[in-house]
């Protein structure tokens, strides 16, 4: 199985099969990705 690095954390969360933990970590992963995209966009403006 080939796992892309940008989806590895989400795959690990799904494999845990713990709904509450999955939901919490998924929100944190999404927030982190959003911050990274925003920082990247800011760098491209400079």
Protein backbone atom coordinates (compact mmCIF):
# COMPACT_ATOMS: atom_id res chain seq x y z
CA UNK A 1 0.00 0.00 0.00
CA UNK A 2 1.40 3.35 -1.03
CA UNK A 3 0.54 6.25 1.27
CA UNK A 4 1.15 9.84 0.28
CA UNK A 5 2.79 11.84 3.03
CA UNK A 6 0.05 14.47 3.01
CA UNK A 7 -2.58 11.84 3.78
CA UNK A 8 -0.59 9.63 6.17
CA UNK A 9 -1.91 11.28 9.32
CA UNK A 10 -5.52 10.99 8.18
CA UNK A 11 -5.01 7.33 7.27
CA UNK A 12 -3.58 6.63 10.72
CA UNK A 13 -6.58 8.30 12.34
CA UNK A 14 -9.03 6.23 10.26
CA UNK A 15 -7.21 3.04 11.22
CA UNK A 16 -7.61 3.85 14.91
CA UNK A 17 -11.38 3.31 14.55
CA UNK A 18 -12.10 5.54 17.53
CA UNK A 19 -14.84 7.96 16.48
CA UNK A 20 -14.28 10.74 19.00
CA UNK A 21 -10.49 10.69 18.62
CA UNK A 22 -10.90 10.47 14.85
CA UNK A 23 -13.14 13.55 14.83
CA UNK A 24 -10.83 15.55 17.10
CA UNK A 25 -7.66 14.71 15.18
CA UNK A 26 -9.35 15.27 11.82
CA UNK A 27 -10.29 18.80 12.91
CA UNK A 28 -6.71 19.45 14.02
CA UNK A 29 -5.30 18.06 10.78
CA UNK A 30 -7.68 20.24 8.74
CA UNK A 31 -6.75 23.33 10.76
CA UNK A 32 -3.04 22.63 10.32
CA UNK A 33 -3.46 22.12 6.57
CA UNK A 34 -5.40 25.40 6.33
CA UNK A 35 -2.64 27.25 8.18
CA UNK A 36 -0.01 25.74 5.88
CA UNK A 37 -1.97 26.72 2.77
CA UNK A 38 -2.44 30.27 4.10
CA UNK A 39 1.26 30.59 4.90
CA UNK A 40 2.15 29.24 1.45
CA UNK A 41 -0.20 31.72 -0.22
CA UNK A 42 1.35 34.54 1.78
CA UNK A 43 4.83 33.51 0.65
CA UNK A 44 3.75 33.48 -2.98
CA UNK A 45 2.51 37.07 -2.64
CA UNK A 46 5.87 38.31 -1.37
